[in-house]
N, C-alpha and C. Protein backbone atom coordinates (compact mmCIF):
# COMPACT_ATOMS: atom_id res chain seq x y z
N UNK A 1 91.50 -133.74 -292.66
CA UNK A 1 92.75 -133.90 -291.93
C UNK A 1 93.90 -133.61 -292.87
N UNK A 2 94.84 -132.85 -292.41
CA UNK A 2 95.96 -132.47 -293.25
C UNK A 2 97.15 -133.39 -293.08
N UNK A 3 97.28 -134.06 -291.95
CA UNK A 3 98.41 -134.96 -291.73
C UNK A 3 97.89 -136.29 -291.21
N UNK A 4 98.67 -137.35 -291.34
CA UNK A 4 98.21 -138.65 -290.84
C UNK A 4 97.96 -138.62 -289.34
N UNK A 5 96.99 -139.42 -288.91
CA UNK A 5 96.66 -139.49 -287.49
C UNK A 5 97.83 -140.05 -286.71
N UNK A 6 98.11 -139.42 -285.59
CA UNK A 6 99.21 -139.86 -284.76
C UNK A 6 98.82 -139.75 -283.30
N UNK A 7 98.89 -140.86 -282.61
CA UNK A 7 98.63 -140.88 -281.18
C UNK A 7 99.88 -141.34 -280.47
N UNK A 8 100.11 -140.91 -279.25
CA UNK A 8 101.29 -141.38 -278.52
C UNK A 8 101.23 -142.88 -278.28
N UNK A 9 102.39 -143.49 -278.19
CA UNK A 9 102.46 -144.92 -277.87
C UNK A 9 101.93 -145.13 -276.46
N UNK A 10 101.19 -146.21 -276.26
CA UNK A 10 100.70 -146.47 -274.90
C UNK A 10 101.85 -146.58 -273.91
N UNK A 11 101.65 -146.05 -272.74
CA UNK A 11 102.66 -146.13 -271.69
C UNK A 11 102.50 -147.41 -270.89
N UNK A 12 103.14 -147.43 -269.75
CA UNK A 12 103.02 -148.59 -268.88
C UNK A 12 101.63 -148.60 -268.24
N UNK A 13 101.36 -149.61 -267.42
CA UNK A 13 100.05 -149.79 -266.81
C UNK A 13 99.63 -148.57 -265.99
N UNK A 14 100.51 -148.02 -265.21
CA UNK A 14 100.18 -146.86 -264.38
C UNK A 14 99.83 -145.66 -265.26
N UNK A 15 100.63 -145.42 -266.29
CA UNK A 15 100.37 -144.29 -267.18
C UNK A 15 99.03 -144.46 -267.90
N UNK A 16 98.73 -145.68 -268.37
CA UNK A 16 97.47 -145.92 -269.07
C UNK A 16 96.27 -145.75 -268.15
N UNK A 17 96.38 -146.29 -266.93
CA UNK A 17 95.23 -146.31 -266.04
C UNK A 17 95.05 -145.05 -265.21
N UNK A 18 96.12 -144.35 -264.91
CA UNK A 18 96.03 -143.20 -264.01
C UNK A 18 96.46 -141.88 -264.65
N UNK A 19 97.05 -141.95 -265.83
CA UNK A 19 97.57 -140.74 -266.47
C UNK A 19 96.51 -139.93 -267.19
N UNK A 20 96.92 -138.80 -267.72
CA UNK A 20 96.00 -137.90 -268.43
C UNK A 20 96.26 -137.85 -269.93
N UNK A 21 97.23 -138.60 -270.42
CA UNK A 21 97.54 -138.61 -271.85
C UNK A 21 96.70 -139.67 -272.55
N UNK A 22 95.99 -139.26 -273.60
CA UNK A 22 95.21 -140.21 -274.39
C UNK A 22 96.16 -140.94 -275.33
N UNK A 23 96.37 -142.21 -275.06
CA UNK A 23 97.26 -143.06 -275.85
C UNK A 23 96.55 -144.39 -276.10
N UNK A 24 95.62 -144.40 -277.07
CA UNK A 24 94.81 -145.61 -277.29
C UNK A 24 95.66 -146.81 -277.68
N UNK A 25 95.24 -147.96 -277.19
CA UNK A 25 95.91 -149.23 -277.51
C UNK A 25 95.16 -149.90 -278.66
N UNK A 26 95.70 -149.78 -279.85
CA UNK A 26 95.13 -150.43 -281.02
C UNK A 26 95.55 -151.89 -281.02
N UNK A 27 94.70 -152.77 -281.56
CA UNK A 27 95.04 -154.19 -281.60
C UNK A 27 96.04 -154.47 -282.72
N UNK A 28 96.35 -155.73 -282.96
CA UNK A 28 97.33 -156.12 -283.97
C UNK A 28 96.94 -155.67 -285.37
N UNK A 29 95.63 -155.46 -285.61
CA UNK A 29 95.15 -155.00 -286.92
C UNK A 29 95.05 -153.47 -286.97
N UNK A 30 95.50 -152.79 -285.91
CA UNK A 30 95.44 -151.33 -285.88
C UNK A 30 94.06 -150.79 -285.56
N UNK A 31 93.24 -151.57 -284.86
CA UNK A 31 91.87 -151.18 -284.56
C UNK A 31 91.62 -151.12 -283.06
N UNK A 32 90.64 -150.29 -282.69
CA UNK A 32 90.18 -150.21 -281.31
C UNK A 32 88.65 -150.36 -281.36
N UNK A 33 88.08 -151.21 -280.48
CA UNK A 33 86.62 -151.39 -280.48
C UNK A 33 85.90 -150.18 -279.90
N UNK A 34 84.71 -149.93 -280.45
CA UNK A 34 83.90 -148.78 -280.08
C UNK A 34 82.49 -149.24 -279.72
N UNK A 35 81.95 -148.73 -278.64
CA UNK A 35 80.54 -148.91 -278.32
C UNK A 35 79.90 -147.53 -278.40
N UNK A 36 78.83 -147.43 -279.18
CA UNK A 36 78.09 -146.17 -279.28
C UNK A 36 76.76 -146.32 -278.58
N UNK A 37 76.46 -145.36 -277.69
CA UNK A 37 75.18 -145.35 -276.98
C UNK A 37 74.47 -144.03 -277.22
N UNK A 38 73.18 -144.04 -277.02
CA UNK A 38 72.39 -142.82 -277.14
C UNK A 38 72.72 -141.90 -275.97
N UNK A 39 73.06 -140.67 -276.27
CA UNK A 39 73.33 -139.69 -275.22
C UNK A 39 72.07 -139.38 -274.43
N UNK A 40 70.91 -139.52 -275.06
CA UNK A 40 69.65 -139.21 -274.41
C UNK A 40 69.15 -140.32 -273.50
N UNK A 41 69.28 -141.58 -273.95
CA UNK A 41 68.66 -142.70 -273.22
C UNK A 41 69.66 -143.67 -272.60
N UNK A 42 70.90 -143.68 -273.08
CA UNK A 42 71.88 -144.65 -272.62
C UNK A 42 71.81 -145.98 -273.36
N UNK A 43 70.83 -146.12 -274.25
CA UNK A 43 70.66 -147.36 -275.02
C UNK A 43 71.90 -147.65 -275.86
N UNK A 44 72.32 -148.91 -275.87
CA UNK A 44 73.44 -149.31 -276.73
C UNK A 44 72.93 -149.33 -278.16
N UNK A 45 73.60 -148.59 -279.03
CA UNK A 45 73.17 -148.48 -280.42
C UNK A 45 73.97 -149.39 -281.35
N UNK A 46 75.28 -149.41 -281.16
CA UNK A 46 76.10 -150.22 -282.06
C UNK A 46 77.48 -150.48 -281.48
N UNK A 47 78.14 -151.46 -282.05
CA UNK A 47 79.51 -151.82 -281.77
C UNK A 47 80.24 -151.76 -283.09
N UNK A 48 81.42 -151.15 -283.11
CA UNK A 48 82.18 -151.02 -284.35
C UNK A 48 83.65 -150.90 -283.99
N UNK A 49 84.46 -150.59 -284.99
CA UNK A 49 85.90 -150.41 -284.80
C UNK A 49 86.33 -149.09 -285.41
N UNK A 50 87.41 -148.54 -284.88
CA UNK A 50 88.07 -147.38 -285.46
C UNK A 50 89.54 -147.70 -285.61
N UNK A 51 90.12 -147.20 -286.71
CA UNK A 51 91.57 -147.18 -286.81
C UNK A 51 92.01 -145.78 -286.38
N UNK A 52 93.29 -145.51 -286.43
CA UNK A 52 93.79 -144.21 -285.95
C UNK A 52 93.17 -143.05 -286.73
N UNK A 53 92.99 -143.21 -288.04
CA UNK A 53 92.42 -142.13 -288.84
C UNK A 53 90.96 -141.88 -288.47
N UNK A 54 90.18 -142.95 -288.31
CA UNK A 54 88.77 -142.79 -287.92
C UNK A 54 88.66 -142.13 -286.56
N UNK A 55 89.51 -142.54 -285.63
CA UNK A 55 89.50 -141.96 -284.29
C UNK A 55 89.86 -140.48 -284.34
N UNK A 56 90.90 -140.15 -285.09
CA UNK A 56 91.31 -138.74 -285.21
C UNK A 56 90.23 -137.90 -285.87
N UNK A 57 89.60 -138.41 -286.93
CA UNK A 57 88.53 -137.64 -287.60
C UNK A 57 87.33 -137.45 -286.68
N UNK A 58 87.02 -138.46 -285.88
CA UNK A 58 85.92 -138.34 -284.93
C UNK A 58 86.22 -137.25 -283.91
N UNK A 59 87.43 -137.25 -283.39
CA UNK A 59 87.82 -136.24 -282.41
C UNK A 59 87.80 -134.85 -283.03
N UNK A 60 88.32 -134.73 -284.25
CA UNK A 60 88.40 -133.42 -284.91
C UNK A 60 87.05 -132.86 -285.32
N UNK A 61 86.17 -133.73 -285.84
CA UNK A 61 84.91 -133.24 -286.42
C UNK A 61 83.72 -133.32 -285.47
N UNK A 62 83.80 -134.18 -284.47
CA UNK A 62 82.66 -134.40 -283.60
C UNK A 62 81.60 -135.29 -284.22
N UNK A 63 81.88 -135.85 -285.39
CA UNK A 63 80.99 -136.81 -286.05
C UNK A 63 81.66 -138.16 -286.06
N UNK A 64 80.88 -139.22 -285.80
CA UNK A 64 81.44 -140.56 -285.71
C UNK A 64 81.93 -141.06 -287.06
N UNK A 65 83.17 -141.50 -287.08
CA UNK A 65 83.79 -142.16 -288.23
C UNK A 65 84.24 -143.54 -287.76
N UNK A 66 84.13 -144.52 -288.63
CA UNK A 66 84.48 -145.89 -288.25
C UNK A 66 85.34 -146.52 -289.34
N UNK A 67 85.90 -147.68 -289.01
CA UNK A 67 86.65 -148.49 -289.98
C UNK A 67 85.80 -149.71 -290.30
N UNK A 68 85.49 -149.90 -291.55
CA UNK A 68 84.73 -151.07 -291.98
C UNK A 68 85.71 -152.21 -292.26
N UNK A 69 85.65 -153.24 -291.44
CA UNK A 69 86.52 -154.41 -291.65
C UNK A 69 86.09 -155.16 -292.91
N UNK A 70 84.79 -155.24 -293.18
CA UNK A 70 84.32 -155.99 -294.35
C UNK A 70 84.65 -155.28 -295.66
N UNK A 71 84.60 -153.96 -295.67
CA UNK A 71 84.90 -153.20 -296.88
C UNK A 71 86.33 -152.68 -296.93
N UNK A 72 87.03 -152.76 -295.79
CA UNK A 72 88.41 -152.31 -295.74
C UNK A 72 88.57 -150.83 -296.00
N UNK A 73 87.65 -150.02 -295.42
CA UNK A 73 87.74 -148.58 -295.67
C UNK A 73 87.13 -147.78 -294.52
N UNK A 74 87.53 -146.54 -294.44
CA UNK A 74 87.02 -145.57 -293.49
C UNK A 74 85.63 -145.13 -293.94
N UNK A 75 84.72 -144.92 -293.00
CA UNK A 75 83.41 -144.37 -293.36
C UNK A 75 82.89 -143.48 -292.24
N UNK A 76 82.19 -142.44 -292.65
CA UNK A 76 81.52 -141.55 -291.71
C UNK A 76 80.11 -142.07 -291.54
N UNK A 77 79.69 -142.27 -290.31
CA UNK A 77 78.34 -142.77 -290.05
C UNK A 77 77.33 -141.84 -290.70
N UNK A 78 76.47 -142.43 -291.52
CA UNK A 78 75.42 -141.67 -292.19
C UNK A 78 75.78 -141.18 -293.57
N UNK A 79 76.97 -141.49 -294.07
CA UNK A 79 77.35 -140.96 -295.38
C UNK A 79 76.45 -141.49 -296.49
N UNK A 80 75.90 -142.70 -296.32
CA UNK A 80 74.96 -143.24 -297.30
C UNK A 80 73.52 -143.08 -296.83
N UNK A 81 73.26 -143.41 -295.59
CA UNK A 81 71.89 -143.46 -295.07
C UNK A 81 71.36 -142.12 -294.60
N UNK A 82 72.25 -141.19 -294.26
CA UNK A 82 71.83 -139.93 -293.67
C UNK A 82 71.62 -140.01 -292.17
N UNK A 83 71.82 -141.19 -291.59
CA UNK A 83 71.65 -141.41 -290.16
C UNK A 83 72.97 -141.16 -289.44
N UNK A 84 73.27 -139.91 -289.24
CA UNK A 84 74.56 -139.50 -288.67
C UNK A 84 74.58 -139.61 -287.15
N UNK A 85 75.80 -139.62 -286.63
CA UNK A 85 76.00 -139.63 -285.19
C UNK A 85 76.91 -138.47 -284.81
N UNK A 86 76.35 -137.54 -284.02
CA UNK A 86 77.14 -136.45 -283.46
C UNK A 86 77.62 -136.89 -282.09
N UNK A 87 78.92 -136.83 -281.88
CA UNK A 87 79.49 -137.29 -280.61
C UNK A 87 79.31 -136.21 -279.55
N UNK A 88 78.64 -136.57 -278.48
CA UNK A 88 78.42 -135.68 -277.35
C UNK A 88 79.56 -135.84 -276.35
N UNK A 89 80.01 -137.09 -276.19
CA UNK A 89 81.11 -137.38 -275.26
C UNK A 89 81.83 -138.63 -275.73
N UNK A 90 83.15 -138.64 -275.55
CA UNK A 90 83.96 -139.81 -275.86
C UNK A 90 84.74 -140.18 -274.61
N UNK A 91 84.67 -141.46 -274.25
CA UNK A 91 85.42 -141.95 -273.10
C UNK A 91 86.28 -143.13 -273.54
N UNK A 92 87.37 -143.33 -272.80
CA UNK A 92 88.19 -144.51 -273.00
C UNK A 92 88.14 -145.33 -271.72
N UNK A 93 88.34 -146.64 -271.85
CA UNK A 93 88.31 -147.48 -270.65
C UNK A 93 89.64 -147.40 -269.91
N UNK A 94 89.75 -148.15 -268.83
CA UNK A 94 90.90 -148.05 -267.92
C UNK A 94 92.24 -148.27 -268.60
N UNK A 95 92.35 -149.24 -269.50
CA UNK A 95 93.64 -149.47 -270.15
C UNK A 95 93.69 -148.94 -271.59
N UNK A 96 92.72 -148.11 -271.93
CA UNK A 96 92.66 -147.38 -273.19
C UNK A 96 92.65 -148.28 -274.43
N UNK A 97 91.98 -149.46 -274.30
CA UNK A 97 91.87 -150.33 -275.48
C UNK A 97 90.42 -150.49 -275.94
N UNK A 98 89.55 -149.62 -275.48
CA UNK A 98 88.16 -149.58 -275.92
C UNK A 98 87.65 -148.15 -275.76
N UNK A 99 86.72 -147.76 -276.63
CA UNK A 99 86.18 -146.41 -276.63
C UNK A 99 84.66 -146.48 -276.50
N UNK A 100 84.12 -145.55 -275.73
CA UNK A 100 82.67 -145.42 -275.57
C UNK A 100 82.27 -144.06 -276.10
N UNK A 101 81.37 -144.05 -277.09
CA UNK A 101 80.83 -142.81 -277.64
C UNK A 101 79.41 -142.63 -277.17
N UNK A 102 79.10 -141.45 -276.64
CA UNK A 102 77.73 -141.07 -276.37
C UNK A 102 77.35 -140.17 -277.54
N UNK A 103 76.31 -140.56 -278.28
CA UNK A 103 75.99 -139.86 -279.52
C UNK A 103 74.54 -139.40 -279.58
N UNK A 104 74.33 -138.38 -280.40
CA UNK A 104 72.99 -137.97 -280.80
C UNK A 104 72.85 -138.37 -282.26
N UNK A 105 71.81 -139.11 -282.55
CA UNK A 105 71.58 -139.57 -283.92
C UNK A 105 70.66 -138.61 -284.64
N UNK A 106 70.87 -138.48 -285.94
CA UNK A 106 69.99 -137.68 -286.77
C UNK A 106 69.50 -138.55 -287.92
N UNK A 107 68.64 -138.01 -288.72
CA UNK A 107 68.06 -138.79 -289.81
C UNK A 107 66.88 -139.60 -289.30
N UNK A 108 66.86 -140.87 -289.63
CA UNK A 108 65.75 -141.75 -289.22
C UNK A 108 65.92 -142.24 -287.79
N UNK A 109 66.92 -141.74 -287.08
CA UNK A 109 67.21 -142.16 -285.70
C UNK A 109 67.46 -143.67 -285.66
N UNK A 110 68.25 -144.14 -286.61
CA UNK A 110 68.59 -145.56 -286.69
C UNK A 110 70.09 -145.71 -286.81
N UNK A 111 70.67 -146.58 -286.00
CA UNK A 111 72.11 -146.82 -286.05
C UNK A 111 72.46 -148.04 -286.88
N UNK A 112 71.53 -148.99 -286.99
CA UNK A 112 71.83 -150.27 -287.63
C UNK A 112 71.61 -150.23 -289.13
N UNK A 113 72.49 -150.91 -289.86
CA UNK A 113 72.35 -150.98 -291.32
C UNK A 113 71.12 -151.78 -291.74
N UNK A 114 70.49 -152.49 -290.78
CA UNK A 114 69.25 -153.21 -291.09
C UNK A 114 68.03 -152.30 -291.00
N UNK A 115 68.25 -151.03 -290.64
CA UNK A 115 67.16 -150.07 -290.54
C UNK A 115 66.61 -149.90 -289.15
N UNK A 116 67.18 -150.62 -288.19
CA UNK A 116 66.69 -150.55 -286.82
C UNK A 116 67.43 -149.48 -286.02
N UNK A 117 66.80 -149.04 -284.93
CA UNK A 117 67.40 -148.01 -284.08
C UNK A 117 68.72 -148.48 -283.51
N UNK A 118 68.78 -149.73 -283.04
CA UNK A 118 69.98 -150.30 -282.44
C UNK A 118 70.36 -151.58 -283.17
N UNK A 119 71.62 -151.89 -283.17
CA UNK A 119 72.07 -153.17 -283.73
C UNK A 119 71.75 -154.33 -282.80
N UNK A 120 71.36 -154.03 -281.57
CA UNK A 120 71.10 -155.05 -280.56
C UNK A 120 69.59 -155.23 -280.40
N UNK A 121 68.97 -155.90 -281.37
CA UNK A 121 67.51 -156.05 -281.40
C UNK A 121 67.05 -157.48 -281.16
N UNK A 122 67.95 -158.36 -280.70
CA UNK A 122 67.58 -159.74 -280.36
C UNK A 122 68.18 -160.12 -279.01
N UNK A 123 67.39 -160.83 -278.23
CA UNK A 123 67.81 -161.26 -276.90
C UNK A 123 68.23 -162.73 -276.97
N UNK A 124 69.33 -163.05 -276.30
CA UNK A 124 69.78 -164.43 -276.15
C UNK A 124 69.22 -164.93 -274.82
N UNK A 125 68.36 -165.96 -274.84
CA UNK A 125 67.80 -166.45 -273.58
C UNK A 125 68.88 -167.09 -272.71
N UNK A 126 68.75 -166.85 -271.42
CA UNK A 126 69.72 -167.36 -270.45
C UNK A 126 69.08 -168.47 -269.61
N UNK A 127 69.91 -169.23 -268.92
CA UNK A 127 69.40 -170.19 -267.96
C UNK A 127 69.48 -171.64 -268.38
N UNK A 128 70.05 -171.92 -269.54
CA UNK A 128 70.25 -173.32 -269.95
C UNK A 128 71.48 -173.39 -270.83
N UNK A 129 71.99 -174.59 -270.97
CA UNK A 129 73.18 -174.79 -271.80
C UNK A 129 72.83 -174.51 -273.27
N UNK A 130 73.68 -173.76 -273.97
CA UNK A 130 73.39 -173.48 -275.38
C UNK A 130 73.49 -174.74 -276.23
N UNK A 131 72.56 -174.85 -277.17
CA UNK A 131 72.58 -175.94 -278.15
C UNK A 131 71.99 -175.42 -279.45
N UNK A 132 71.75 -176.31 -280.40
CA UNK A 132 71.25 -175.87 -281.70
C UNK A 132 69.82 -175.37 -281.64
N UNK A 133 69.13 -175.61 -280.53
CA UNK A 133 67.75 -175.15 -280.39
C UNK A 133 67.64 -173.80 -279.67
N UNK A 134 68.76 -173.18 -279.34
CA UNK A 134 68.74 -171.89 -278.66
C UNK A 134 68.23 -170.84 -279.64
N UNK A 135 67.07 -170.30 -279.37
CA UNK A 135 66.39 -169.39 -280.29
C UNK A 135 66.43 -167.97 -279.78
N UNK A 136 66.82 -167.05 -280.63
CA UNK A 136 66.84 -165.63 -280.28
C UNK A 136 65.43 -165.08 -280.18
N UNK A 137 65.24 -164.11 -279.29
CA UNK A 137 63.95 -163.47 -279.10
C UNK A 137 64.05 -162.05 -279.67
N UNK A 138 63.16 -161.72 -280.58
CA UNK A 138 63.17 -160.41 -281.21
C UNK A 138 62.55 -159.36 -280.31
N UNK A 139 63.26 -158.26 -280.08
CA UNK A 139 62.77 -157.12 -279.31
C UNK A 139 63.21 -155.84 -280.03
N UNK A 140 62.48 -154.80 -279.89
CA UNK A 140 62.87 -153.52 -280.50
C UNK A 140 63.33 -153.70 -281.95
N UNK A 141 62.60 -154.51 -282.70
CA UNK A 141 63.04 -154.89 -284.04
C UNK A 141 62.38 -154.08 -285.16
N UNK A 142 61.55 -153.12 -284.82
CA UNK A 142 60.87 -152.33 -285.84
C UNK A 142 61.89 -151.51 -286.64
N UNK A 143 61.78 -151.57 -287.95
CA UNK A 143 62.70 -150.81 -288.81
C UNK A 143 62.27 -149.34 -288.89
N UNK A 144 63.26 -148.46 -288.85
CA UNK A 144 63.02 -147.02 -288.96
C UNK A 144 63.15 -146.54 -290.40
N UNK A 145 63.84 -147.33 -291.23
CA UNK A 145 63.96 -147.03 -292.66
C UNK A 145 64.15 -148.33 -293.41
N UNK A 146 63.93 -148.28 -294.71
CA UNK A 146 64.05 -149.45 -295.57
C UNK A 146 65.49 -149.56 -296.08
N UNK A 147 66.27 -150.50 -295.55
CA UNK A 147 67.67 -150.59 -295.96
C UNK A 147 67.85 -150.96 -297.43
N UNK A 148 66.90 -151.67 -298.01
CA UNK A 148 67.05 -152.03 -299.43
C UNK A 148 66.96 -150.79 -300.32
N UNK A 149 66.21 -149.79 -299.88
CA UNK A 149 66.12 -148.54 -300.64
C UNK A 149 67.36 -147.68 -300.44
N UNK A 150 67.91 -147.72 -299.22
CA UNK A 150 69.06 -146.87 -298.89
C UNK A 150 70.37 -147.49 -299.40
N UNK A 151 70.55 -148.78 -299.13
CA UNK A 151 71.82 -149.43 -299.44
C UNK A 151 71.76 -150.32 -300.67
N UNK A 152 70.56 -150.51 -301.23
CA UNK A 152 70.39 -151.37 -302.40
C UNK A 152 70.79 -152.82 -302.11
N UNK A 153 70.32 -153.35 -300.94
CA UNK A 153 70.61 -154.72 -300.54
C UNK A 153 69.66 -155.74 -301.16
N UNK A 154 68.63 -155.28 -301.83
CA UNK A 154 67.65 -156.22 -302.37
C UNK A 154 66.54 -156.49 -301.37
N UNK A 155 65.83 -157.57 -301.57
CA UNK A 155 64.65 -157.88 -300.76
C UNK A 155 64.97 -158.54 -299.43
N UNK A 156 66.24 -158.83 -299.14
CA UNK A 156 66.59 -159.54 -297.90
C UNK A 156 66.31 -158.73 -296.65
N UNK A 157 66.10 -157.44 -296.76
CA UNK A 157 65.92 -156.60 -295.58
C UNK A 157 64.45 -156.24 -295.32
N UNK A 158 63.53 -156.74 -296.08
CA UNK A 158 62.12 -156.39 -295.91
C UNK A 158 61.53 -157.14 -294.71
N UNK A 159 60.42 -156.63 -294.15
CA UNK A 159 59.74 -157.40 -293.13
C UNK A 159 59.12 -156.62 -292.02
N UNK A 160 59.86 -155.82 -291.30
CA UNK A 160 59.30 -155.14 -290.14
C UNK A 160 59.49 -153.63 -290.25
N UNK A 161 59.36 -153.09 -291.44
CA UNK A 161 59.54 -151.66 -291.66
C UNK A 161 58.45 -150.86 -290.95
N UNK A 162 58.86 -149.87 -290.18
CA UNK A 162 57.93 -149.02 -289.44
C UNK A 162 56.89 -148.43 -290.41
N UNK A 163 55.61 -148.62 -290.08
CA UNK A 163 54.55 -148.04 -290.89
C UNK A 163 54.18 -148.83 -292.12
N UNK A 164 54.75 -150.02 -292.34
CA UNK A 164 54.41 -150.80 -293.53
C UNK A 164 53.95 -152.19 -293.12
N UNK A 165 52.68 -152.30 -292.80
CA UNK A 165 52.13 -153.60 -292.42
C UNK A 165 51.48 -154.25 -293.61
């Protein structure tokens, strides 16, 4: 990018909901939430945030860029792991304060930093009041890559690596 990212200021409710100008509504921290799904299956892969620069780079390059709140920096998905996301389609919601990316993943076909295909690999049981005994149910938890080898997290990520019983 040669110049700083610049998006128009959000308009009134009618302009945001019925207009054709993309004017994303960033929150007080300058971020907009993103949901990434598989373009092939519709599966929810991850939830993240973008600042104006990440959003502009994603639009310009067609590759997903995000803002890391924990590291305080811009990152391109897959820059360390090789598990990139090519954006097939980008949508905004009715009031332009959330973004939906339909992506094709490459590499190990994993979106999660834990090595899993999706960041949503545990189910919260429904039907009773939550308490300290509410236990998550593991589903789709098989790892596609070893995050300790990719990110150097240590032994905390071992356990369900695909092909390593």
